[in-house]
PDB file of N, CA and C in Angstrom:
ATOM      1  N   MET A   1      -1.704  25.531  11.571  1.00  0.00           N
ATOM      2  CA  MET A   1       0.153  25.750  10.980  1.00  0.00           C
ATOM      3  C   MET A   1       0.589  24.024  11.038  1.00  0.00           C
ATOM      4  N   SER A   2       1.354  23.931   9.647  1.00  0.00           N
ATOM      5  CA  SER A   2       1.572  23.018   9.235  1.00  0.00           C
ATOM      6  C   SER A   2       3.159  22.318  10.030  1.00  0.00           C
ATOM      7  N   ASN A   3       3.281  20.985  10.484  1.00  0.00           N
ATOM      8  CA  ASN A   3       4.944  21.204  11.471  1.00  0.00           C
ATOM      9  C   ASN A   3       5.822  20.408   9.895  1.00  0.00           C
ATOM     10  N   PRO A   4       6.631  20.704   9.474  1.00  0.00           N
ATOM     11  CA  PRO A   4       7.326  20.625   8.378  1.00  0.00           C
ATOM     12  C   PRO A   4       8.047  19.504   8.359  1.00  0.00           C
ATOM     13  N   LEU A   5       8.376  19.190   9.810  1.00  0.00           N
ATOM     14  CA  LEU A   5       8.840  17.566  10.081  1.00  0.00           C
ATOM     15  C   LEU A   5       7.789  16.329   9.886  1.00  0.00           C
ATOM     16  N   ARG A   6       6.602  16.715  10.483  1.00  0.00           N
ATOM     17  CA  ARG A   6       5.493  15.522   9.742  1.00  0.00           C
ATOM     18  C   ARG A   6       5.164  15.729   8.468  1.00  0.00           C
ATOM     19  N   ASN A   7       5.547  16.476   8.175  1.00  0.00           N
ATOM     20  CA  ASN A   7       4.971  16.540   7.052  1.00  0.00           C
ATOM     21  C   ASN A   7       6.169  15.592   5.712  1.00  0.00           C
ATOM     22  N   ARG A   8       7.382  16.349   6.349  1.00  0.00           N
ATOM     23  CA  ARG A   8       8.588  15.425   5.797  1.00  0.00           C
ATOM     24  C   ARG A   8       8.548  14.114   5.936  1.00  0.00           C
ATOM     25  N   PHE A   9       7.918  13.433   7.454  1.00  0.00           N
ATOM     26  CA  PHE A   9       8.104  11.989   7.625  1.00  0.00           C
ATOM     27  C   PHE A   9       6.888  11.240   6.515  1.00  0.00           C
ATOM     28  N   LEU A  10       5.679  12.191   6.458  1.00  0.00           N
ATOM     29  CA  LEU A  10       4.824  11.703   5.627  1.00  0.00           C
ATOM     30  C   LEU A  10       4.624  11.443   4.270  1.00  0.00           C
ATOM     31  N   ALA A  11       5.545  12.369   4.045  1.00  0.00           N
ATOM     32  CA  ALA A  11       6.396  12.217   2.546  1.00  0.00           C
ATOM     33  C   ALA A  11       7.018  11.043   2.264  1.00  0.00           C
ATOM     34  N   GLU A  12       7.899  11.000   3.138  1.00  0.00           N
ATOM     35  CA  GLU A  12       8.723   9.867   3.121  1.00  0.00           C
ATOM     36  C   GLU A  12       8.148   8.642   3.149  1.00  0.00           C
ATOM     37  N   LEU A  13       7.574   8.505   4.060  1.00  0.00           N
ATOM     38  CA  LEU A  13       6.610   7.092   4.514  1.00  0.00           C
ATOM     39  C   LEU A  13       5.489   6.873   3.039  1.00  0.00           C
ATOM     40  N   TRP A  14       5.245   7.514   2.488  1.00  0.00           N
ATOM     41  CA  TRP A  14       4.167   7.582   1.415  1.00  0.00           C
ATOM     42  C   TRP A  14       5.072   7.194   0.339  1.00  0.00           C
ATOM     43  N   ALA A  15       6.692   7.892   0.204  1.00  0.00           N
ATOM     44  CA  ALA A  15       7.333   7.177  -0.995  1.00  0.00           C
ATOM     45  C   ALA A  15       7.783   5.897  -0.462  1.00  0.00           C
ATOM     46  N   GLY A  16       8.048   5.721   0.256  1.00  0.00           N
ATOM     47  CA  GLY A  16       8.222   4.408   1.220  1.00  0.00           C
ATOM     48  C   GLY A  16       7.772   3.165   0.669  1.00  0.00           C
ATOM     49  N   LEU A  17       6.316   3.601   1.391  1.00  0.00           N
ATOM     50  CA  LEU A  17       5.519   2.589   0.871  1.00  0.00           C
ATOM     51  C   LEU A  17       5.047   2.030  -0.720  1.00  0.00           C
ATOM     52  N   GLY A  18       5.370   3.314  -1.142  1.00  0.00           N
ATOM     53  CA  GLY A  18       4.826   3.212  -2.725  1.00  0.00           C
ATOM     54  C   GLY A  18       6.154   2.238  -3.378  1.00  0.00           C
ATOM     55  N   VAL A  19       7.473   2.109  -2.762  1.00  0.00           N
ATOM     56  CA  VAL A  19       8.133   1.300  -3.325  1.00  0.00           C
ATOM     57  C   VAL A  19       7.961  -0.150  -2.755  1.00  0.00           C
ATOM     58  N   VAL A  20       7.716  -0.232  -1.675  1.00  0.00           N
ATOM     59  CA  VAL A  20       7.606  -1.941  -1.045  1.00  0.00           C
ATOM     60  C   VAL A  20       6.299  -2.065  -1.213  1.00  0.00           C
ATOM     61  N   TRP A  21       5.254  -1.608  -1.906  1.00  0.00           N
ATOM     62  CA  TRP A  21       3.922  -1.998  -2.498  1.00  0.00           C
ATOM     63  C   TRP A  21       3.544  -2.883  -3.137  1.00  0.00           C
ATOM     64  N   PRO A  22       4.470  -3.712  -3.878  1.00  0.00           N
ATOM     65  CA  PRO A  22       4.453  -4.776  -4.696  1.00  0.00           C
ATOM     66  C   PRO A  22       4.426  -6.218  -3.410  1.00  0.00           C
ATOM     67  N   ILE A  23       4.967  -6.109  -2.438  1.00  0.00           N
ATOM     68  CA  ILE A  23       5.302  -7.079  -1.803  1.00  0.00           C
ATOM     69  C   ILE A  23       4.246  -6.954  -0.533  1.00  0.00           C
ATOM     70  N   LEU A  24       3.950  -5.156  -0.390  1.00  0.00           N
ATOM     71  CA  LEU A  24       2.782  -5.162   0.676  1.00  0.00           C
ATOM     72  C   LEU A  24       1.767  -5.887   0.366  1.00  0.00           C
ATOM     73  N   SER A  25       1.179  -5.882  -1.060  1.00  0.00           N
ATOM     74  CA  SER A  25       0.027  -5.703  -1.927  1.00  0.00           C
ATOM     75  C   SER A  25      -0.206  -7.498  -1.848  1.00  0.00           C
ATOM     76  N   GLY A  26       1.472  -7.768  -2.253  1.00  0.00           N
ATOM     77  CA  GLY A  26       1.233  -9.604  -1.858  1.00  0.00           C
ATOM     78  C   GLY A  26       1.350 -10.204  -1.201  1.00  0.00           C
ATOM     79  N   LEU A  27       1.463  -9.531   0.010  1.00  0.00           N
ATOM     80  CA  LEU A  27       1.545 -10.053   1.497  1.00  0.00           C
ATOM     81  C   LEU A  27      -0.136  -9.953   2.433  1.00  0.00           C
ATOM     82  N   LEU A  28      -0.698  -9.243   2.087  1.00  0.00           N
ATOM     83  CA  LEU A  28      -1.913  -8.634   2.208  1.00  0.00           C
ATOM     84  C   LEU A  28      -3.148  -9.748   1.231  1.00  0.00           C
ATOM     85  N   GLY A  29      -2.606  -9.821  -0.085  1.00  0.00           N
ATOM     86  CA  GLY A  29      -3.444 -10.572  -0.757  1.00  0.00           C
ATOM     87  C   GLY A  29      -3.258 -12.510  -0.317  1.00  0.00           C
ATOM     88  N   LEU A  30      -1.959 -12.881   0.241  1.00  0.00           N
ATOM     89  CA  LEU A  30      -1.835 -13.933   0.711  1.00  0.00           C
ATOM     90  C   LEU A  30      -2.712 -14.284   1.937  1.00  0.00           C
ATOM     91  N   MET A  31      -2.369 -13.007   2.608  1.00  0.00           N
ATOM     92  CA  MET A  31      -3.289 -13.351   3.658  1.00  0.00           C
ATOM     93  C   MET A  31      -4.950 -13.472   3.543  1.00  0.00           C
ATOM     94  N   ALA A  32      -5.461 -12.726   2.862  1.00  0.00           N
ATOM     95  CA  ALA A  32      -6.957 -13.466   2.624  1.00  0.00           C
ATOM     96  C   ALA A  32      -7.183 -14.537   1.999  1.00  0.00           C
ATOM     97  N   ALA A  33      -6.028 -14.602   0.835  1.00  0.00           N
ATOM     98  CA  ALA A  33      -6.533 -16.371   0.337  1.00  0.00           C
ATOM     99  C   ALA A  33      -6.366 -16.966   1.031  1.00  0.00           C
ATOM    100  N   LEU A  34      -5.408 -17.041   2.083  1.00  0.00           N
ATOM    101  CA  LEU A  34      -5.524 -17.785   3.300  1.00  0.00           C
ATOM    102  C   LEU A  34      -6.715 -17.905   4.121  1.00  0.00           C
ATOM    103  N   GLY A  35      -6.882 -17.027   4.279  1.00  0.00           N
ATOM    104  CA  GLY A  35      -7.928 -16.877   5.167  1.00  0.00           C
ATOM    105  C   GLY A  35      -9.529 -17.334   4.390  1.00  0.00           C
ATOM    106  N   VAL A  36      -9.460 -17.390   2.791  1.00  0.00           N
ATOM    107  CA  VAL A  36     -10.541 -17.879   2.309  1.00  0.00           C
ATOM    108  C   VAL A  36     -10.013 -19.718   2.251  1.00  0.00           C
ATOM    109  N   VAL A  37      -9.364 -20.067   2.245  1.00  0.00           N
ATOM    110  CA  VAL A  37      -9.028 -21.369   2.196  1.00  0.00           C
ATOM    111  C   VAL A  37      -9.305 -21.745   3.852  1.00  0.00           C
ATOM    112  N   VAL A  38      -8.937 -20.958   5.133  1.00  0.00           N
ATOM    113  CA  VAL A  38      -9.401 -21.386   6.084  1.00  0.00           C
ATOM    114  C   VAL A  38     -10.944 -21.490   5.948  1.00  0.00           C
ATOM    115  N   ALA A  39     -11.489 -20.609   5.891  1.00  0.00           N
ATOM    116  CA  ALA A  39     -13.262 -20.756   5.849  1.00  0.00           C
ATOM    117  C   ALA A  39     -13.753 -21.865   4.957  1.00  0.00           C
ATOM    118  N   LEU A  40     -13.143 -22.228   4.077  1.00  0.00           N
ATOM    119  CA  LEU A  40     -13.487 -22.893   3.280  1.00  0.00           C
ATOM    120  C   LEU A  40     -13.151 -24.857   4.043  1.00  0.00           C
ATOM    121  N   LEU A  41     -12.783 -24.735   4.744  1.00  0.00           N
ATOM    122  CA  LEU A  41     -12.061 -25.888   4.985  1.00  0.00           C
ATOM    123  C   LEU A  41     -13.072 -26.016   6.554  1.00  0.00           C
ATOM    124  N   GLU A  42     -13.085 -24.667   7.166  1.00  0.00           N
ATOM    125  CA  GLU A  42     -13.764 -24.687   8.305  1.00  0.00           C
ATOM    126  C   GLU A  42     -15.471 -24.637   8.216  1.00  0.00           C
ATOM    127  N   GLY A  43     -16.068 -24.304   6.935  1.00  0.00           N
ATOM    128  CA  GLY A  43     -17.116 -24.029   6.653  1.00  0.00           C
ATOM    129  C   GLY A  43     -17.738 -22.977   7.130  1.00  0.00           C
ATOM    130  N   TRP A  44     -16.723 -22.068   7.655  1.00  0.00           N
ATOM    131  CA  TRP A  44     -17.144 -20.444   7.956  1.00  0.00           C
ATOM    132  C   TRP A  44     -17.455 -20.081   6.132  1.00  0.00           C
ATOM    133  N   PRO A  45     -18.584 -18.594   6.575  1.00  0.00           N
ATOM    134  CA  PRO A  45     -18.307 -17.645   5.662  1.00  0.00           C
ATOM    135  C   PRO A  45     -17.334 -16.994   5.259  1.00  0.00           C
ATOM    136  N   LEU A  46     -17.285 -16.657   3.877  1.00  0.00           N
ATOM    137  CA  LEU A  46     -16.025 -16.466   3.416  1.00  0.00           C
ATOM    138  C   LEU A  46     -15.325 -14.896   4.360  1.00  0.00           C
ATOM    139  N   THR A  47     -16.368 -14.007   4.628  1.00  0.00           N
ATOM    140  CA  THR A  47     -16.232 -12.953   5.555  1.00  0.00           C
ATOM    141  C   THR A  47     -15.671 -13.233   6.596  1.00  0.00           C
ATOM    142  N   GLU A  48     -15.749 -14.287   7.631  1.00  0.00           N
ATOM    143  CA  GLU A  48     -15.475 -15.105   9.028  1.00  0.00           C
ATOM    144  C   GLU A  48     -14.017 -14.992   8.269  1.00  0.00           C
ATOM    145  N   GLY A  49     -13.747 -16.000   6.875  1.00  0.00           N
ATOM    146  CA  GLY A  49     -12.552 -16.564   7.004  1.00  0.00           C
ATOM    147  C   GLY A  49     -11.668 -15.247   6.705  1.00  0.00           C
ATOM    148  N   ALA A  50     -11.993 -13.998   6.289  1.00  0.00           N
ATOM    149  CA  ALA A  50     -11.053 -12.885   6.112  1.00  0.00           C
ATOM    150  C   ALA A  50     -10.777 -12.132   7.232  1.00  0.00           C
ATOM    151  N   TYR A  51     -11.986 -12.190   8.055  1.00  0.00           N
ATOM    152  CA  TYR A  51     -11.798 -11.624   9.382  1.00  0.00           C
ATOM    153  C   TYR A  51     -11.050 -12.695  10.412  1.00  0.00           C
ATOM    154  N   PHE A  52     -10.720 -13.500  10.275  1.00  0.00           N
ATOM    155  CA  PHE A  52     -10.085 -14.472  10.991  1.00  0.00           C
ATOM    156  C   PHE A  52      -8.573 -14.125  10.638  1.00  0.00           C
ATOM    157  N   ALA A  53      -8.283 -14.306   9.179  1.00  0.00           N
ATOM    158  CA  ALA A  53      -7.103 -13.935   8.518  1.00  0.00           C
ATOM    159  C   ALA A  53      -6.238 -12.420   9.080  1.00  0.00           C
ATOM    160  N   PHE A  54      -7.077 -11.423   9.070  1.00  0.00           N
ATOM    161  CA  PHE A  54      -6.492 -10.368   9.600  1.00  0.00           C
ATOM    162  C   PHE A  54      -6.354 -10.487  10.914  1.00  0.00           C
ATOM    163  N   VAL A  55      -7.693 -10.829  11.805  1.00  0.00           N
ATOM    164  CA  VAL A  55      -7.420 -10.617  13.191  1.00  0.00           C
ATOM    165  C   VAL A  55      -6.275 -11.228  13.828  1.00  0.00           C
ATOM    166  N   SER A  56      -5.813 -12.333  12.921  1.00  0.00           N
ATOM    167  CA  SER A  56      -4.686 -13.142  13.351  1.00  0.00           C
ATOM    168  C   SER A  56      -3.828 -12.744  13.060  1.00  0.00           C
ATOM    169  N   GLY A  57      -3.608 -12.647  12.181  1.00  0.00           N
ATOM    170  CA  GLY A  57      -2.186 -12.131  11.264  1.00  0.00           C
ATOM    171  C   GLY A  57      -1.587 -10.955  12.039  1.00  0.00           C
ATOM    172  N   LEU A  58      -2.260  -9.876  12.086  1.00  0.00           N
ATOM    173  CA  LEU A  58      -2.262  -8.463  12.986  1.00  0.00           C
ATOM    174  C   LEU A  58      -1.980  -9.088  14.622  1.00  0.00           C
ATOM    175  N   THR A  59      -1.987 -10.118  14.626  1.00  0.00           N
ATOM    176  CA  THR A  59      -1.520 -10.642  16.521  1.00  0.00           C
ATOM    177  C   THR A  59      -2.586 -10.153  17.362  1.00  0.00           C
ATOM    178  N   ILE A  60      -3.879  -9.851  16.767  1.00  0.00           N
ATOM    179  CA  ILE A  60      -5.105  -9.436  17.633  1.00  0.00           C
ATOM    180  C   ILE A  60      -5.487 -10.990  18.827  1.00  0.00           C
ATOM    181  N   GLY A  61      -5.757 -11.788  17.726  1.00  0.00           N
ATOM    182  CA  GLY A  61      -6.394 -13.085  17.664  1.00  0.00           C
ATOM    183  C   GLY A  61      -7.420 -13.129  19.134  1.00  0.00           C
ATOM    184  N   TYR A  62      -8.450 -12.272  18.911  1.00  0.00           N
ATOM    185  CA  TYR A  62      -9.461 -12.735  19.593  1.00  0.00           C
ATOM    186  C   TYR A  62     -10.107 -13.888  20.001  1.00  0.00           C
ATOM    187  N   GLY A  63      -9.446 -15.202  19.679  1.00  0.00           N
ATOM    188  CA  GLY A  63     -10.382 -16.306  19.599  1.00  0.00           C
ATOM    189  C   GLY A  63     -12.029 -16.783  19.282  1.00  0.00           C
ATOM    190  N   ASP A  64     -12.381 -15.813  18.570  1.00  0.00           N
ATOM    191  CA  ASP A  64     -13.587 -16.234  18.403  1.00  0.00           C
ATOM    192  C   ASP A  64     -14.099 -17.108  17.827  1.00  0.00           C
ATOM    193  N   LEU A  65     -12.976 -17.162  16.727  1.00  0.00           N
ATOM    194  CA  LEU A  65     -13.014 -18.169  15.766  1.00  0.00           C
ATOM    195  C   LEU A  65     -12.128 -19.284  16.153  1.00  0.00           C
ATOM    196  N   VAL A  66     -12.339 -20.799  15.811  1.00  0.00           N
ATOM    197  CA  VAL A  66     -10.830 -21.171  15.938  1.00  0.00           C
ATOM    198  C   VAL A  66     -11.022 -22.356  14.797  1.00  0.00           C
ATOM    199  N   PRO A  67      -9.944 -22.086  14.334  1.00  0.00           N
ATOM    200  CA  PRO A  67      -9.836 -23.798  13.375  1.00  0.00           C
ATOM    201  C   PRO A  67     -10.167 -25.114  13.933  1.00  0.00           C
ATOM    202  N   ARG A  68     -10.287 -25.765  13.486  1.00  0.00           N
ATOM    203  CA  ARG A  68     -10.523 -27.172  14.487  1.00  0.00           C
ATOM    204  C   ARG A  68      -9.316 -28.192  13.227  1.00  0.00           C
ATOM    205  N   ALA A  69      -9.817 -27.953  11.740  1.00  0.00           N
ATOM    206  CA  ALA A  69      -9.688 -28.833  10.719  1.00  0.00           C
ATOM    207  C   ALA A  69      -7.251 -29.071  11.015  1.00  0.00           C
ATOM    208  N   PRO A  70      -7.055 -30.069  10.654  1.00  0.00           N
ATOM    209  CA  PRO A  70      -5.566 -29.532  10.965  1.00  0.00           C
ATOM    210  C   PRO A  70      -4.768 -28.885   9.509  1.00  0.00           C
ATOM    211  N   LEU A  71      -5.224 -29.649   8.761  1.00  0.00           N
ATOM    212  CA  LEU A  71      -4.791 -28.279   7.474  1.00  0.00           C
ATOM    213  C   LEU A  71      -5.376 -26.728   7.563  1.00  0.00           C
ATOM    214  N   ALA A  72      -6.383 -26.468   8.197  1.00  0.00           N
ATOM    215  CA  ALA A  72      -6.732 -25.230   8.698  1.00  0.00           C
ATOM    216  C   ALA A  72      -5.897 -24.690   9.898  1.00  0.00           C
ATOM    217  N   ARG A  73      -5.414 -25.521  10.683  1.00  0.00           N
ATOM    218  CA  ARG A  73      -4.398 -24.903  11.926  1.00  0.00           C
ATOM    219  C   ARG A  73      -3.073 -24.287  11.375  1.00  0.00           C
ATOM    220  N   VAL A  74      -2.683 -25.395  10.399  1.00  0.00           N
ATOM    221  CA  VAL A  74      -1.516 -25.462   9.858  1.00  0.00           C
ATOM    222  C   VAL A  74      -1.499 -23.952   9.079  1.00  0.00           C
ATOM    223  N   LEU A  75      -2.660 -23.815   8.228  1.00  0.00           N
ATOM    224  CA  LEU A  75      -2.691 -22.354   7.726  1.00  0.00           C
ATOM    225  C   LEU A  75      -2.884 -21.358   8.447  1.00  0.00           C
ATOM    226  N   ALA A  76      -3.517 -21.796   9.555  1.00  0.00           N
ATOM    227  CA  ALA A  76      -3.435 -20.242  10.828  1.00  0.00           C
ATOM    228  C   ALA A  76      -2.008 -19.911  10.826  1.00  0.00           C
ATOM    229  N   ILE A  77      -1.042 -20.988  11.219  1.00  0.00           N
ATOM    230  CA  ILE A  77       0.429 -20.610  11.569  1.00  0.00           C
ATOM    231  C   ILE A  77       1.117 -19.895  10.622  1.00  0.00           C
ATOM    232  N   SER A  78       0.444 -20.291   9.173  1.00  0.00           N
ATOM    233  CA  SER A  78       1.129 -19.798   8.281  1.00  0.00           C
ATOM    234  C   SER A  78       0.761 -18.161   8.136  1.00  0.00           C
ATOM    235  N   ILE A  79      -0.991 -18.102   8.128  1.00  0.00           N
ATOM    236  CA  ILE A  79      -1.355 -16.748   8.589  1.00  0.00           C
ATOM    237  C   ILE A  79      -0.406 -15.820   9.444  1.00  0.00           C
ATOM    238  N   GLY A  80      -0.085 -16.497  10.654  1.00  0.00           N
ATOM    239  CA  GLY A  80       0.720 -15.521  11.503  1.00  0.00           C
ATOM    240  C   GLY A  80       1.869 -15.276  11.278  1.00  0.00           C
ATOM    241  N   LEU A  81       2.966 -16.348  10.561  1.00  0.00           N
ATOM    242  CA  LEU A  81       4.017 -15.443   9.803  1.00  0.00           C
ATOM    243  C   LEU A  81       3.984 -14.596   8.898  1.00  0.00           C
ATOM    244  N   ASN A  82       3.184 -14.625   8.097  1.00  0.00           N
ATOM    245  CA  ASN A  82       2.451 -13.960   6.868  1.00  0.00           C
ATOM    246  C   ASN A  82       2.317 -12.471   8.024  1.00  0.00           C
ATOM    247  N   GLY A  83       1.747 -12.327   8.970  1.00  0.00           N
ATOM    248  CA  GLY A  83       1.358 -11.061   9.726  1.00  0.00           C
ATOM    249  C   GLY A  83       2.883 -10.646  10.408  1.00  0.00           C
ATOM    250  N   ILE A  84       3.763 -11.449  10.632  1.00  0.00           N
ATOM    251  CA  ILE A  84       4.939 -11.090  11.176  1.00  0.00           C
ATOM    252  C   ILE A  84       5.515 -10.538  10.032  1.00  0.00           C
ATOM    253  N   LEU A  85       5.596 -10.889   8.560  1.00  0.00           N
ATOM    254  CA  LEU A  85       6.483 -10.390   7.635  1.00  0.00           C
ATOM    255  C   LEU A  85       5.547  -9.066   7.616  1.00  0.00           C
ATOM    256  N   LEU A  86       4.592  -8.989   7.300  1.00  0.00           N
ATOM    257  CA  LEU A  86       3.471  -7.878   7.057  1.00  0.00           C
ATOM    258  C   LEU A  86       4.183  -6.361   8.092  1.00  0.00           C
ATOM    259  N   ALA A  87       4.006  -6.327   9.774  1.00  0.00           N
ATOM    260  CA  ALA A  87       4.037  -5.763  10.387  1.00  0.00           C
ATOM    261  C   ALA A  87       5.376  -5.393  10.526  1.00  0.00           C
ATOM    262  N   GLY A  88       6.720  -5.858  10.241  1.00  0.00           N
ATOM    263  CA  GLY A  88       7.687  -5.801  10.558  1.00  0.00           C
ATOM    264  C   GLY A  88       8.055  -4.959   8.886  1.00  0.00           C
ATOM    265  N   LEU A  89       7.721  -5.195   7.918  1.00  0.00           N
ATOM    266  CA  LEU A  89       7.859  -4.335   6.346  1.00  0.00           C
ATOM    267  C   LEU A  89       7.072  -3.267   6.459  1.00  0.00           C
ATOM    268  N   VAL A  90       6.011  -2.968   7.433  1.00  0.00           N
ATOM    269  CA  VAL A  90       5.670  -1.456   7.886  1.00  0.00           C
ATOM    270  C   VAL A  90       6.336  -0.528   8.507  1.00  0.00           C
ATOM    271  N   ALA A  91       6.870  -1.286   9.862  1.00  0.00           N
ATOM    272  CA  ALA A  91       7.461  -0.791  10.828  1.00  0.00           C
ATOM    273  C   ALA A  91       8.848  -0.411   9.906  1.00  0.00           C
ATOM    274  N   ALA A  92       9.672  -0.959   9.452  1.00  0.00           N
ATOM    275  CA  ALA A  92      10.951  -0.849   8.759  1.00  0.00           C
ATOM    276  C   ALA A  92      10.123   0.342   7.780  1.00  0.00           C
ATOM    277  N   VAL A  93       9.383   0.477   7.173  1.00  0.00           N
ATOM    278  CA  VAL A  93       9.456   1.738   6.222  1.00  0.00           C
ATOM    279  C   VAL A  93       8.911   2.712   7.322  1.00  0.00           C
ATOM    280  N   GLY A  94       8.190   2.418   7.866  1.00  0.00           N
ATOM    281  CA  GLY A  94       8.255   3.943   9.205  1.00  0.00           C
ATOM    282  C   GLY A  94       9.415   4.259   9.711  1.00  0.00           C
ATOM    283  N   VAL A  95      10.183   3.657  10.446  1.00  0.00           N
ATOM    284  CA  VAL A  95      11.482   3.804  10.727  1.00  0.00           C
ATOM    285  C   VAL A  95      12.693   4.769   9.657  1.00  0.00           C
ATOM    286  N   GLN A  96      12.376   4.063   8.382  1.00  0.00           N
ATOM    287  CA  GLN A  96      13.184   4.562   7.768  1.00  0.00           C
ATOM    288  C   GLN A  96      12.764   6.237   7.242  1.00  0.00           C
ATOM    289  N   ALA A  97      11.369   6.520   7.002  1.00  0.00           N
ATOM    290  CA  ALA A  97      10.786   7.711   6.672  1.00  0.00           C
ATOM    291  C   ALA A  97      11.383   8.326   8.003  1.00  0.00           C
ATOM    292  N   LEU A  98      11.399   7.863   8.988  1.00  0.00           N
ATOM    293  CA  LEU A  98      11.561   8.558  10.256  1.00  0.00           C
ATOM    294  C   LEU A  98      12.792   9.245  10.107  1.00  0.00           C
ATOM    295  N   ASN A  99      14.093   8.188   9.632  1.00  0.00           N
ATOM    296  CA  ASN A  99      15.192   8.655   9.859  1.00  0.00           C
ATOM    297  C   ASN A  99      15.406   9.474   8.772  1.00  0.00           C
ATOM    298  N   ALA A 100      15.074   9.415   7.700  1.00  0.00           N
ATOM    299  CA  ALA A 100      15.344  10.555   6.525  1.00  0.00           C
ATOM    300  C   ALA A 100      14.384  11.902   6.940  1.00  0.00           C
ATOM    301  N   ALA A 101      13.219  11.756   7.893  1.00  0.00           N
ATOM    302  CA  ALA A 101      12.875  13.069   7.786  1.00  0.00           C
ATOM    303  C   ALA A 101      13.840  13.726   9.373  1.00  0.00           C
ATOM    304  N   LEU A 102      14.237  13.491   9.865  1.00  0.00           N
ATOM    305  CA  LEU A 102      14.975  13.710  11.111  1.00  0.00           C
ATOM    306  C   LEU A 102      16.624  14.126  10.072  1.00  0.00           C
ATOM    307  N   GLY A 103      16.978  13.238   9.736  1.00  0.00           N
ATOM    308  CA  GLY A 103      18.165  13.640   8.836  1.00  0.00           C
ATOM    309  C   GLY A 103      18.225  14.883   8.070  1.00  0.00           C
ATOM    310  N   SER A 104      17.011  14.931   7.439  1.00  0.00           N
ATOM    311  CA  SER A 104      17.029  16.493   6.821  1.00  0.00           C
ATOM    312  C   SER A 104      16.366  17.323   7.529  1.00  0.00           C
ATOM    313  N   ALA A 105      16.507  17.434   8.720  1.00  0.00           N
ATOM    314  CA  ALA A 105      15.581  18.473   9.488  1.00  0.00           C
ATOM    315  C   ALA A 105      17.367  19.124  10.348  1.00  0.00           C
ATOM    316  N   ARG A 106      17.889  17.600  10.582  1.00  0.00           N
ATOM    317  CA  ARG A 106      19.690  17.941  11.066  1.00  0.00           C
ATOM    318  C   ARG A 106      20.294  18.449  10.442  1.00  0.00           C
ATOM    319  N   SER A 107      19.885  18.727   9.016  1.00  0.00           N
ATOM    320  CA  SER A 107      21.089  18.970   7.814  1.00  0.00           C
ATOM    321  C   SER A 107      20.497  20.204   7.714  1.00  0.00           C
ATOM    322  N   ARG A 108      19.839  21.094   8.269  1.00  0.00           N
ATOM    323  CA  ARG A 108      19.000  22.618   7.851  1.00  0.00           C
ATOM    324  C   ARG A 108      20.013  23.520   8.667  1.00  0.00           C
TER     325      ARG A 108
END
């Protein structure tokens, strides 16, 4: 049996992500591009650069890859700031979707 509140939340979440998709995709693309630049500066494979960017940007930070070049370190900070924006945007869309779903449930 389906839960109408969950279905409404998912519909609102999907709609909200559709609205912010240009910004979201830009942040994801910037994070990937910064990872590629760090990989080139450090001599890492490009896949490791992308891995580093997303692990760092999503604040997981395992520490298995550490940039040594000064410019790569500055770019790592930029990746972290980009990750904060990305997480904040997704959280804001989620909160908005929850408010809209609960608001429609209360009005019934």
